[in-house]
Structure formats: structure tokens, C-alpha cells
PDB file of N, CA and C in Angstrom:
ATOM      1  N   ILE A   1    -101.155  28.748-145.077  1.00  0.00           N
ATOM      2  CA  ILE A   1    -101.336  29.538-143.866  1.00  0.00           C
ATOM      3  C   ILE A   1    -100.581  30.853-144.045  1.00  0.00           C
ATOM      4  N   SER A   2    -101.246  31.938-143.778  1.00  0.00           N
ATOM      5  CA  SER A   2    -100.607  33.240-143.922  1.00  0.00           C
ATOM      6  C   SER A   2     -99.778  33.572-142.689  1.00  0.00           C
ATOM      7  N   ASP A   3     -98.923  34.597-142.823  1.00  0.00           N
ATOM      8  CA  ASP A   3     -98.073  35.016-141.705  1.00  0.00           C
ATOM      9  C   ASP A   3     -98.885  35.536-140.533  1.00  0.00           C
ATOM     10  N   LEU A   4    -100.073  36.062-140.801  1.00  0.00           N
ATOM     11  CA  LEU A   4    -100.913  36.592-139.725  1.00  0.00           C
ATOM     12  C   LEU A   4    -101.468  35.487-138.840  1.00  0.00           C
ATOM     13  N   GLU A   5    -101.504  34.268-139.349  1.00  0.00           N
ATOM     14  CA  GLU A   5    -102.043  33.146-138.583  1.00  0.00           C
ATOM     15  C   GLU A   5    -100.965  32.417-137.799  1.00  0.00           C
ATOM     16  N   LEU A   6     -99.696  32.772-138.009  1.00  0.00           N
ATOM     17  CA  LEU A   6     -98.597  32.088-137.335  1.00  0.00           C
ATOM     18  C   LEU A   6     -98.098  32.906-136.152  1.00  0.00           C
ATOM     19  N   PRO A   7     -97.615  32.228-135.109  1.00  0.00           N
ATOM     20  CA  PRO A   7     -96.993  32.947-133.997  1.00  0.00           C
ATOM     21  C   PRO A   7     -95.712  33.649-134.456  1.00  0.00           C
ATOM     22  N   PRO A   8     -95.244  34.674-133.699  1.00  0.00           N
ATOM     23  CA  PRO A   8     -94.012  35.373-134.080  1.00  0.00           C
ATOM     24  C   PRO A   8     -92.808  34.441-134.167  1.00  0.00           C
ATOM     25  N   ARG A   9     -92.775  33.422-133.320  1.00  0.00           N
ATOM     26  CA  ARG A   9     -91.729  32.386-133.348  1.00  0.00           C
ATOM     27  C   ARG A   9     -92.415  31.034-133.295  1.00  0.00           C
ATOM     28  N   GLY A  10     -91.658  29.987-133.597  1.00  0.00           N
ATOM     29  CA  GLY A  10     -92.203  28.660-133.424  1.00  0.00           C
ATOM     30  C   GLY A  10     -92.348  28.352-131.937  1.00  0.00           C
ATOM     31  N   CYS A  11     -93.330  27.565-131.571  1.00  0.00           N
ATOM     32  CA  CYS A  11     -93.571  27.245-130.158  1.00  0.00           C
ATOM     33  C   CYS A  11     -92.367  26.534-129.533  1.00  0.00           C
ATOM     34  N   ASP A  12     -91.650  25.771-130.332  1.00  0.00           N
ATOM     35  CA  ASP A  12     -90.467  25.086-129.810  1.00  0.00           C
ATOM     36  C   ASP A  12     -89.397  26.083-129.367  1.00  0.00           C
ATOM     37  N   ASP A  13     -89.362  27.248-130.001  1.00  0.00           N
ATOM     38  CA  ASP A  13     -88.407  28.286-129.589  1.00  0.00           C
ATOM     39  C   ASP A  13     -88.700  28.765-128.181  1.00  0.00           C
ATOM     40  N   TYR A  14     -89.974  28.954-127.874  1.00  0.00           N
ATOM     41  CA  TYR A  14     -90.344  29.386-126.520  1.00  0.00           C
ATOM     42  C   TYR A  14     -89.998  28.310-125.496  1.00  0.00           C
ATOM     43  N   TRP A  15     -90.237  27.050-125.870  1.00  0.00           N
ATOM     44  CA  TRP A  15     -89.911  25.957-124.955  1.00  0.00           C
ATOM     45  C   TRP A  15     -88.397  25.861-124.745  1.00  0.00           C
ATOM     46  N   SER A  16     -87.630  26.033-125.800  1.00  0.00           N
ATOM     47  CA  SER A  16     -86.163  25.997-125.676  1.00  0.00           C
ATOM     48  C   SER A  16     -85.664  27.132-124.794  1.00  0.00           C
ATOM     49  N   GLU A  17     -86.238  28.313-124.955  1.00  0.00           N
ATOM     50  CA  GLU A  17     -85.850  29.453-124.112  1.00  0.00           C
ATOM     51  C   GLU A  17     -86.200  29.174-122.647  1.00  0.00           C
ATOM     52  N   PHE A  18     -87.340  28.560-122.409  1.00  0.00           N
ATOM     53  CA  PHE A  18     -87.746  28.225-121.043  1.00  0.00           C
ATOM     54  C   PHE A  18     -86.777  27.208-120.438  1.00  0.00           C
ATOM     55  N   LYS A  19     -86.441  26.163-121.204  1.00  0.00           N
ATOM     56  CA  LYS A  19     -85.501  25.155-120.697  1.00  0.00           C
ATOM     57  C   LYS A  19     -84.132  25.761-120.429  1.00  0.00           C
ATOM     58  N   HIS A  20     -83.674  26.642-121.316  1.00  0.00           N
ATOM     59  CA  HIS A  20     -82.387  27.314-121.101  1.00  0.00           C
ATOM     60  C   HIS A  20     -82.438  28.172-119.839  1.00  0.00           C
ATOM     61  N   CYS A  21     -83.535  28.877-119.658  1.00  0.00           N
ATOM     62  CA  CYS A  21     -83.690  29.748-118.494  1.00  0.00           C
ATOM     63  C   CYS A  21     -83.643  28.943-117.198  1.00  0.00           C
ATOM     64  N   LYS A  22     -84.208  27.753-117.220  1.00  0.00           N
ATOM     65  CA  LYS A  22     -84.258  26.917-116.014  1.00  0.00           C
ATOM     66  C   LYS A  22     -82.977  26.107-115.788  1.00  0.00           C
ATOM     67  N   SER A  23     -82.056  26.128-116.740  1.00  0.00           N
ATOM     68  CA  SER A  23     -80.851  25.311-116.627  1.00  0.00           C
ATOM     69  C   SER A  23     -79.971  25.790-115.472  1.00  0.00           C
ATOM     70  N   LEU A  24     -79.239  24.856-114.905  1.00  0.00           N
ATOM     71  CA  LEU A  24     -78.365  25.167-113.785  1.00  0.00           C
ATOM     72  C   LEU A  24     -77.310  26.191-114.190  1.00  0.00           C
ATOM     73  N   ARG A  25     -76.750  26.025-115.361  1.00  0.00           N
ATOM     74  CA  ARG A  25     -75.717  26.952-115.831  1.00  0.00           C
ATOM     75  C   ARG A  25     -76.255  28.383-115.939  1.00  0.00           C
ATOM     76  N   ASN A  26     -77.433  28.539-116.521  1.00  0.00           N
ATOM     77  CA  ASN A  26     -78.013  29.872-116.671  1.00  0.00           C
ATOM     78  C   ASN A  26     -78.378  30.467-115.312  1.00  0.00           C
ATOM     79  N   ARG A  27     -78.921  29.639-114.418  1.00  0.00           N
ATOM     80  CA  ARG A  27     -79.266  30.139-113.082  1.00  0.00           C
ATOM     81  C   ARG A  27     -78.022  30.619-112.343  1.00  0.00           C
ATOM     82  N   PHE A  28     -76.937  29.873-112.441  1.00  0.00           N
ATOM     83  CA  PHE A  28     -75.698  30.262-111.792  1.00  0.00           C
ATOM     84  C   PHE A  28     -75.176  31.563-112.389  1.00  0.00           C
ATOM     85  N   HIS A  29     -75.154  31.642-113.719  1.00  0.00           N
ATOM     86  CA  HIS A  29     -74.668  32.840-114.395  1.00  0.00           C
ATOM     87  C   HIS A  29     -75.515  34.065-114.017  1.00  0.00           C
ATOM     88  N   HIS A  30     -76.818  33.908-114.039  1.00  0.00           N
ATOM     89  CA  HIS A  30     -77.710  35.020-113.719  1.00  0.00           C
ATOM     90  C   HIS A  30     -77.515  35.459-112.264  1.00  0.00           C
ATOM     91  N   TYR A  31     -77.385  34.510-111.369  1.00  0.00           N
ATOM     92  CA  TYR A  31     -77.184  34.848-109.959  1.00  0.00           C
ATOM     93  C   TYR A  31     -75.837  35.550-109.763  1.00  0.00           C
ATOM     94  N   TYR A  32     -74.812  35.063-110.444  1.00  0.00           N
ATOM     95  CA  TYR A  32     -73.480  35.666-110.352  1.00  0.00           C
ATOM     96  C   TYR A  32     -73.499  37.093-110.918  1.00  0.00           C
ATOM     97  N   THR A  33     -74.200  37.284-112.020  1.00  0.00           N
ATOM     98  CA  THR A  33     -74.219  38.577-112.689  1.00  0.00           C
ATOM     99  C   THR A  33     -75.129  39.585-112.004  1.00  0.00           C
ATOM    100  N   TYR A  34     -76.345  39.165-111.659  1.00  0.00           N
ATOM    101  CA  TYR A  34     -77.350  40.100-111.157  1.00  0.00           C
ATOM    102  C   TYR A  34     -77.677  39.932-109.673  1.00  0.00           C
ATOM    103  N   GLY A  35     -77.251  38.829-109.083  1.00  0.00           N
ATOM    104  CA  GLY A  35     -77.519  38.603-107.669  1.00  0.00           C
ATOM    105  C   GLY A  35     -78.900  38.048-107.378  1.00  0.00           C
ATOM    106  N   THR A  36     -79.631  37.662-108.419  1.00  0.00           N
ATOM    107  CA  THR A  36     -80.965  37.085-108.249  1.00  0.00           C
ATOM    108  C   THR A  36     -81.122  35.891-109.188  1.00  0.00           C
ATOM    109  N   SER A  37     -82.103  35.077-108.909  1.00  0.00           N
ATOM    110  CA  SER A  37     -82.424  33.978-109.822  1.00  0.00           C
ATOM    111  C   SER A  37     -83.228  34.529-110.990  1.00  0.00           C
ATOM    112  N   PRO A  38     -83.074  33.949-112.192  1.00  0.00           N
ATOM    113  CA  PRO A  38     -83.839  34.456-113.333  1.00  0.00           C
ATOM    114  C   PRO A  38     -85.307  34.082-113.215  1.00  0.00           C
ATOM    115  N   SER A  39     -86.157  34.935-113.717  1.00  0.00           N
ATOM    116  CA  SER A  39     -87.588  34.645-113.766  1.00  0.00           C
ATOM    117  C   SER A  39     -87.894  34.039-115.132  1.00  0.00           C
ATOM    118  N   CYS A  40     -88.324  32.806-115.129  1.00  0.00           N
ATOM    119  CA  CYS A  40     -88.573  32.096-116.384  1.00  0.00           C
ATOM    120  C   CYS A  40     -90.060  31.982-116.695  1.00  0.00           C
ATOM    121  N   GLN A  41     -90.886  32.562-115.866  1.00  0.00           N
ATOM    122  CA  GLN A  41     -92.330  32.407-115.999  1.00  0.00           C
ATOM    123  C   GLN A  41     -92.844  32.938-117.332  1.00  0.00           C
ATOM    124  N   GLN A  42     -92.287  34.058-117.811  1.00  0.00           N
ATOM    125  CA  GLN A  42     -92.781  34.642-119.060  1.00  0.00           C
ATOM    126  C   GLN A  42     -92.554  33.706-120.240  1.00  0.00           C
ATOM    127  N   TRP A  43     -91.414  33.001-120.271  1.00  0.00           N
ATOM    128  CA  TRP A  43     -91.162  32.041-121.355  1.00  0.00           C
ATOM    129  C   TRP A  43     -92.188  30.914-121.319  1.00  0.00           C
ATOM    130  N   LYS A  44     -92.530  30.463-120.122  1.00  0.00           N
ATOM    131  CA  LYS A  44     -93.518  29.384-119.987  1.00  0.00           C
ATOM    132  C   LYS A  44     -94.902  29.864-120.436  1.00  0.00           C
ATOM    133  N   GLU A  45     -95.272  31.068-120.026  1.00  0.00           N
ATOM    134  CA  GLU A  45     -96.562  31.626-120.457  1.00  0.00           C
ATOM    135  C   GLU A  45     -96.602  31.804-121.968  1.00  0.00           C
ATOM    136  N   ASP A  46     -95.490  32.279-122.533  1.00  0.00           N
ATOM    137  CA  ASP A  46     -95.426  32.459-123.986  1.00  0.00           C
ATOM    138  C   ASP A  46     -95.572  31.122-124.708  1.00  0.00           C
ATOM    139  N   TYR A  47     -94.952  30.088-124.162  1.00  0.00           N
ATOM    140  CA  TYR A  47     -95.067  28.762-124.776  1.00  0.00           C
ATOM    141  C   TYR A  47     -96.527  28.294-124.755  1.00  0.00           C
ATOM    142  N   HIS A  48     -97.185  28.448-123.607  1.00  0.00           N
ATOM    143  CA  HIS A  48     -98.591  28.011-123.509  1.00  0.00           C
ATOM    144  C   HIS A  48     -99.501  28.860-124.396  1.00  0.00           C
ATOM    145  N   ASN A  49     -99.247  30.155-124.475  1.00  0.00           N
ATOM    146  CA  ASN A  49    -100.035  31.009-125.374  1.00  0.00           C
ATOM    147  C   ASN A  49     -99.815  30.624-126.828  1.00  0.00           C
ATOM    148  N   CYS A  50     -98.587  30.270-127.166  1.00  0.00           N
ATOM    149  CA  CYS A  50     -98.279  29.857-128.528  1.00  0.00           C
ATOM    150  C   CYS A  50     -99.031  28.572-128.888  1.00  0.00           C
ATOM    151  N   ARG A  51     -98.997  27.601-127.988  1.00  0.00           N
ATOM    152  CA  ARG A  51     -99.724  26.339-128.230  1.00  0.00           C
ATOM    153  C   ARG A  51    -101.225  26.588-128.351  1.00  0.00           C
ATOM    154  N   GLU A  52    -101.736  27.467-127.502  1.00  0.00           N
ATOM    155  CA  GLU A  52    -103.162  27.805-127.537  1.00  0.00           C
ATOM    156  C   GLU A  52    -103.514  28.473-128.865  1.00  0.00           C
ATOM    157  N   TRP A  53    -102.632  29.342-129.317  1.00  0.00           N
ATOM    158  CA  TRP A  53    -102.847  30.032-130.589  1.00  0.00           C
ATOM    159  C   TRP A  53    -102.854  29.027-131.739  1.00  0.00           C
ATOM    160  N   GLU A  54    -101.908  28.089-131.727  1.00  0.00           N
ATOM    161  CA  GLU A  54    -101.851  27.093-132.802  1.00  0.00           C
ATOM    162  C   GLU A  54    -103.058  26.165-132.803  1.00  0.00           C
ATOM    163  N   LYS A  55    -103.492  25.768-131.627  1.00  0.00           N
ATOM    164  CA  LYS A  55    -104.602  24.801-131.549  1.00  0.00           C
ATOM    165  C   LYS A  55    -105.959  25.432-131.815  1.00  0.00           C
ATOM    166  N   HIS A  56    -106.242  26.544-131.143  1.00  0.00           N
ATOM    167  CA  HIS A  56    -107.606  27.082-131.156  1.00  0.00           C
ATOM    168  C   HIS A  56    -107.734  28.430-131.854  1.00  0.00           C
ATOM    169  N   ARG A  57    -106.612  28.992-132.293  1.00  0.00           N
ATOM    170  CA  ARG A  57    -106.613  30.299-132.953  1.00  0.00           C
ATOM    171  C   ARG A  57    -107.290  31.366-132.083  1.00  0.00           C
ATOM    172  N   GLY A  58    -107.046  31.293-130.777  1.00  0.00           N
ATOM    173  CA  GLY A  58    -107.657  32.229-129.842  1.00  0.00           C
ATOM    174  C   GLY A  58    -107.045  33.613-129.953  1.00  0.00           C
ATOM    175  N   THR A  59    -107.892  34.621-130.052  1.00  0.00           N
ATOM    176  CA  THR A  59    -107.390  35.991-130.183  1.00  0.00           C
ATOM    177  C   THR A  59    -106.749  36.467-128.881  1.00  0.00           C
ATOM    178  N   GLU A  60    -107.234  35.982-127.747  1.00  0.00           N
ATOM    179  CA  GLU A  60    -106.657  36.396-126.465  1.00  0.00           C
ATOM    180  C   GLU A  60    -105.209  35.919-126.328  1.00  0.00           C
ATOM    181  N   SER A  61    -104.962  34.666-126.682  1.00  0.00           N
ATOM    182  CA  SER A  61    -103.589  34.150-126.609  1.00  0.00           C
ATOM    183  C   SER A  61    -102.706  34.800-127.661  1.00  0.00           C
ATOM    184  N   LYS A  62    -103.272  35.096-128.821  1.00  0.00           N
ATOM    185  CA  LYS A  62    -102.527  35.772-129.879  1.00  0.00           C
ATOM    186  C   LYS A  62    -102.080  37.153-129.414  1.00  0.00           C
ATOM    187  N   GLU A  63    -102.985  37.916-128.822  1.00  0.00           N
ATOM    188  CA  GLU A  63    -102.659  39.261-128.350  1.00  0.00           C
ATOM    189  C   GLU A  63    -101.654  39.223-127.206  1.00  0.00           C
ATOM    190  N   ALA A  64    -101.795  38.248-126.310  1.00  0.00           N
ATOM    191  CA  ALA A  64    -100.855  38.123-125.189  1.00  0.00           C
ATOM    192  C   ALA A  64     -99.453  37.811-125.696  1.00  0.00           C
ATOM    193  N   LEU A  65     -99.352  36.946-126.683  1.00  0.00           N
ATOM    194  CA  LEU A  65     -98.051  36.580-127.243  1.00  0.00           C
ATOM    195  C   LEU A  65     -97.423  37.753-127.994  1.00  0.00           C
ATOM    196  N   GLN A  66     -98.212  38.457-128.759  1.00  0.00           N
ATOM    197  CA  GLN A  66     -97.689  39.625-129.480  1.00  0.00           C
ATOM    198  C   GLN A  66     -97.259  40.726-128.510  1.00  0.00           C
ATOM    199  N   ARG A  67     -98.028  40.935-127.461  1.00  0.00           N
ATOM    200  CA  ARG A  67     -97.679  41.928-126.439  1.00  0.00           C
ATOM    201  C   ARG A  67     -96.368  41.555-125.753  1.00  0.00           C
ATOM    202  N   SER A  68     -96.197  40.278-125.466  1.00  0.00           N
ATOM    203  CA  SER A  68     -94.974  39.797-124.832  1.00  0.00           C
ATOM    204  C   SER A  68     -93.765  40.022-125.736  1.00  0.00           C
ATOM    205  N   GLU A  69     -93.911  39.735-127.016  1.00  0.00           N
ATOM    206  CA  GLU A  69     -92.820  39.946-127.965  1.00  0.00           C
ATOM    207  C   GLU A  69     -92.476  41.427-128.086  1.00  0.00           C
ATOM    208  N   ARG A  70     -93.495  42.291-128.143  1.00  0.00           N
ATOM    209  CA  ARG A  70     -93.240  43.735-128.210  1.00  0.00           C
ATOM    210  C   ARG A  70     -92.506  44.211-126.959  1.00  0.00           C
ATOM    211  N   ASN A  71     -92.910  43.726-125.790  1.00  0.00           N
ATOM    212  CA  ASN A  71     -92.235  44.100-124.541  1.00  0.00           C
ATOM    213  C   ASN A  71     -90.788  43.622-124.529  1.00  0.00           C
ATOM    214  N   ARG A  72     -90.559  42.413-125.026  1.00  0.00           N
ATOM    215  CA  ARG A  72     -89.204  41.861-125.064  1.00  0.00           C
ATOM    216  C   ARG A  72     -88.303  42.697-125.984  1.00  0.00           C
ATOM    217  N   LEU A  73     -88.820  43.085-127.138  1.00  0.00           N
ATOM    218  CA  LEU A  73     -88.041  43.912-128.065  1.00  0.00           C
ATOM    219  C   LEU A  73     -87.799  45.302-127.492  1.00  0.00           C
ATOM    220  N   ALA A  74     -88.791  45.877-126.829  1.00  0.00           N
ATOM    221  CA  ALA A  74     -88.614  47.202-126.218  1.00  0.00           C
ATOM    222  C   ALA A  74     -87.565  47.141-125.118  1.00  0.00           C
ATOM    223  N   GLU A  75     -87.538  46.054-124.377  1.00  0.00           N
ATOM    224  CA  GLU A  75     -86.540  45.880-123.313  1.00  0.00           C
ATOM    225  C   GLU A  75     -85.132  45.806-123.896  1.00  0.00           C
ATOM    226  N   GLN A  76     -84.981  45.150-125.034  1.00  0.00           N
ATOM    227  CA  GLN A  76     -83.669  45.037-125.668  1.00  0.00           C
ATOM    228  C   GLN A  76     -83.194  46.377-126.224  1.00  0.00           C
ATOM    229  N   ARG A  77     -84.114  47.205-126.687  1.00  0.00           N
ATOM    230  CA  ARG A  77     -83.742  48.473-127.322  1.00  0.00           C
ATOM    231  C   ARG A  77     -83.406  49.573-126.329  1.00  0.00           C
ATOM    232  N   LYS A  78     -83.769  49.420-125.081  1.00  0.00           N
ATOM    233  CA  LYS A  78     -83.596  50.538-124.162  1.00  0.00           C
ATOM    234  C   LYS A  78     -82.175  50.674-123.613  1.00  0.00           C
ATOM    235  N   PHE A  79     -81.290  49.751-123.917  1.00  0.00           N
ATOM    236  CA  PHE A  79     -79.912  49.848-123.449  1.00  0.00           C
ATOM    237  C   PHE A  79     -79.104  50.735-124.387  1.00  0.00           C
ATOM    238  N   THR A  80     -78.225  51.531-123.802  1.00  0.00           N
ATOM    239  CA  THR A  80     -77.374  52.402-124.603  1.00  0.00           C
ATOM    240  C   THR A  80     -76.082  51.657-124.942  1.00  0.00           C
ATOM    241  N   PRO A  81     -75.463  51.989-126.051  1.00  0.00           N
ATOM    242  CA  PRO A  81     -74.218  51.320-126.420  1.00  0.00           C
ATOM    243  C   PRO A  81     -73.110  51.615-125.402  1.00  0.00           C
ATOM    244  N   VAL A  82     -72.207  50.673-125.230  1.00  0.00           N
ATOM    245  CA  VAL A  82     -71.106  50.835-124.291  1.00  0.00           C
ATOM    246  C   VAL A  82     -70.066  51.792-124.862  1.00  0.00           C
ATOM    247  N   TRP A  83     -69.783  51.676-126.151  1.00  0.00           N
ATOM    248  CA  TRP A  83     -68.777  52.512-126.795  1.00  0.00           C
ATOM    249  C   TRP A  83     -69.456  53.497-127.732  1.00  0.00           C
ATOM    250  N   LYS A  84     -68.802  54.635-127.894  1.00  0.00           N
ATOM    251  CA  LYS A  84     -69.256  55.608-128.870  1.00  0.00           C
ATOM    252  C   LYS A  84     -68.808  55.127-130.247  1.00  0.00           C
ATOM    253  N   LEU A  85     -69.727  55.069-131.182  1.00  0.00           N
ATOM    254  CA  LEU A  85     -69.393  54.606-132.528  1.00  0.00           C
ATOM    255  C   LEU A  85     -68.614  55.677-133.271  1.00  0.00           C
ATOM    256  N   ARG A  86     -67.579  55.262-133.989  1.00  0.00           N
ATOM    257  CA  ARG A  86     -66.757  56.191-134.761  1.00  0.00           C
ATOM    258  C   ARG A  86     -67.454  56.569-136.059  1.00  0.00           C
ATOM    259  N   GLN A  87     -67.232  57.790-136.466  1.00  0.00           N
ATOM    260  CA  GLN A  87     -67.723  58.245-137.766  1.00  0.00           C
ATOM    261  C   GLN A  87     -66.654  58.069-138.842  1.00  0.00           C
ATOM    262  N   ASP A  88     -65.395  58.175-138.414  1.00  0.00           N
ATOM    263  CA  ASP A  88     -64.256  58.043-139.331  1.00  0.00           C
ATOM    264  C   ASP A  88     -63.197  57.161-138.673  1.00  0.00           C
ATOM    265  N   PRO A  89     -62.337  56.521-139.483  1.00  0.00           N
ATOM    266  CA  PRO A  89     -61.259  55.715-138.878  1.00  0.00           C
ATOM    267  C   PRO A  89     -60.216  56.630-138.230  1.00  0.00           C
ATOM    268  N   PRO A  90     -59.401  56.108-137.321  1.00  0.00           N
ATOM    269  CA  PRO A  90     -58.325  56.918-136.739  1.00  0.00           C
ATOM    270  C   PRO A  90     -57.359  57.372-137.829  1.00  0.00           C
ATOM    271  N   ARG A  91     -56.680  58.492-137.591  1.00  0.00           N
ATOM    272  CA  ARG A  91     -55.767  59.036-138.603  1.00  0.00           C
ATOM    273  C   ARG A  91     -54.626  58.077-138.918  1.00  0.00           C
ATOM    274  N   ASP A  92     -54.164  57.336-137.926  1.00  0.00           N
ATOM    275  CA  ASP A  92     -53.006  56.460-138.149  1.00  0.00           C
ATOM    276  C   ASP A  92     -53.404  54.985-138.315  1.00  0.00           C
ATOM    277  N   TRP A  93     -54.554  54.729-138.855  1.00  0.00           N
ATOM    278  CA  TRP A  93     -55.048  53.367-138.980  1.00  0.00           C
ATOM    279  C   TRP A  93     -54.173  52.501-139.872  1.00  0.00           C
ATOM    280  N   HIS A  94     -53.494  53.100-140.798  1.00  0.00           N
ATOM    281  CA  HIS A  94     -52.683  52.358-141.777  1.00  0.00           C
ATOM    282  C   HIS A  94     -51.296  51.992-141.253  1.00  0.00           C
ATOM    283  N   MET A  95     -50.888  52.552-140.114  1.00  0.00           N
ATOM    284  CA  MET A  95     -49.548  52.296-139.591  1.00  0.00           C
ATOM    285  C   MET A  95     -49.498  50.961-138.840  1.00  0.00           C
ATOM    286  N   PRO A  96     -48.334  50.298-138.859  1.00  0.00           N
ATOM    287  CA  PRO A  96     -48.190  49.061-138.087  1.00  0.00           C
ATOM    288  C   PRO A  96     -48.376  49.351-136.586  1.00  0.00           C
ATOM    289  N   LEU A  97     -48.836  48.389-135.871  1.00  0.00           N
ATOM    290  CA  LEU A  97     -49.066  48.564-134.447  1.00  0.00           C
ATOM    291  C   LEU A  97     -47.762  48.743-133.681  1.00  0.00           C
ATOM    292  N   ASN A  98     -47.758  49.658-132.732  1.00  0.00           N
ATOM    293  CA  ASN A  98     -46.636  49.919-131.836  1.00  0.00           C
ATOM    294  C   ASN A  98     -45.336  50.242-132.554  1.00  0.00           C
ATOM    295  N   GLN A  99     -45.381  50.698-133.771  1.00  0.00           N
ATOM    296  CA  GLN A  99     -44.173  51.075-134.503  1.00  0.00           C
ATOM    297  C   GLN A  99     -44.375  52.464-135.092  1.00  0.00           C
ATOM    298  N   GLU A 100     -43.303  53.217-135.115  1.00  0.00           N
ATOM    299  CA  GLU A 100     -43.307  54.560-135.677  1.00  0.00           C
ATOM    300  C   GLU A 100     -44.352  55.459-135.021  1.00  0.00           C
ATOM    301  N   LYS A 101     -44.727  55.108-133.856  1.00  0.00           N
ATOM    302  CA  LYS A 101     -45.688  55.898-133.117  1.00  0.00           C
ATOM    303  C   LYS A 101     -44.989  56.405-131.867  1.00  0.00           C
ATOM    304  N   PRO A 102     -44.994  57.692-131.597  1.00  0.00           N
ATOM    305  CA  PRO A 102     -44.305  58.190-130.416  1.00  0.00           C
ATOM    306  C   PRO A 102     -44.852  57.587-129.136  1.00  0.00           C
ATOM    307  N   GLN A 103     -43.973  57.182-128.252  1.00  0.00           N
ATOM    308  CA  GLN A 103     -44.360  56.603-126.966  1.00  0.00           C
ATOM    309  C   GLN A 103     -44.601  57.719-125.969  1.00  0.00           C
ATOM    310  N   ASP A 104     -45.698  57.644-125.242  1.00  0.00           N
ATOM    311  CA  ASP A 104     -45.958  58.602-124.181  1.00  0.00           C
ATOM    312  C   ASP A 104     -45.157  58.190-122.971  1.00  0.00           C
ATOM    313  N   SER A 105     -44.282  59.082-122.461  1.00  0.00           N
ATOM    314  CA  SER A 105     -43.496  58.736-121.282  1.00  0.00           C
ATOM    315  C   SER A 105     -43.668  59.739-120.179  1.00  0.00           C
TER     316      SER A 105
END
């Protein structure tokens, strides 16, 4: 079987993501963090599309699954980094911590 005939992930991965999404711990965490319950419907749809793709090689389910994966990756890429990445190490990187360094008072 070539890579073009396989789903982007194994179908069990989609099912595991769906079960994790529906777990009490994840629901509590998501509600605490975002103030809403997580939407797990996309994981369930992806799982069913994956099974459909494996069983019947349907182009519609294949395209839906690939579109979902592209959307998921685009969503992950749109966040900006929290910290600015350094180009060079600090000048005093070799010095012991909190020693021989002037204290700001």
C-alpha cells in the first residue's frame, strides 16, 4: 500500500484524541483555561472519515480528512512565540550565577 492510499494518521489516533477530548480531566482543564467546554466533534468526524477511507477508499472522506488535517496544522502555526528568540548568547553566559555580577540597588 502506498502512502497516498493511507490516512495522514492511523484511525486509532483520531479515536484516542476524541476520547481524550471527552475526558473529564480535559473538559475541566479546557473550561478552566478558556471558560468553555471543548468541541470534540471534529475528532469524531475525522475518525469516521478515516474508517470510511480505509474501508471504501472514498475520495470524499479522503478529501475531508486531508482538509481537516490542513486546518489543524494552520491553526497551530498561527500563534506567535511568547519569547523573542536570541541570535547570540548573553555576554556573561560563562559566569557563575549571582556571583561577580553587580547587584542593582
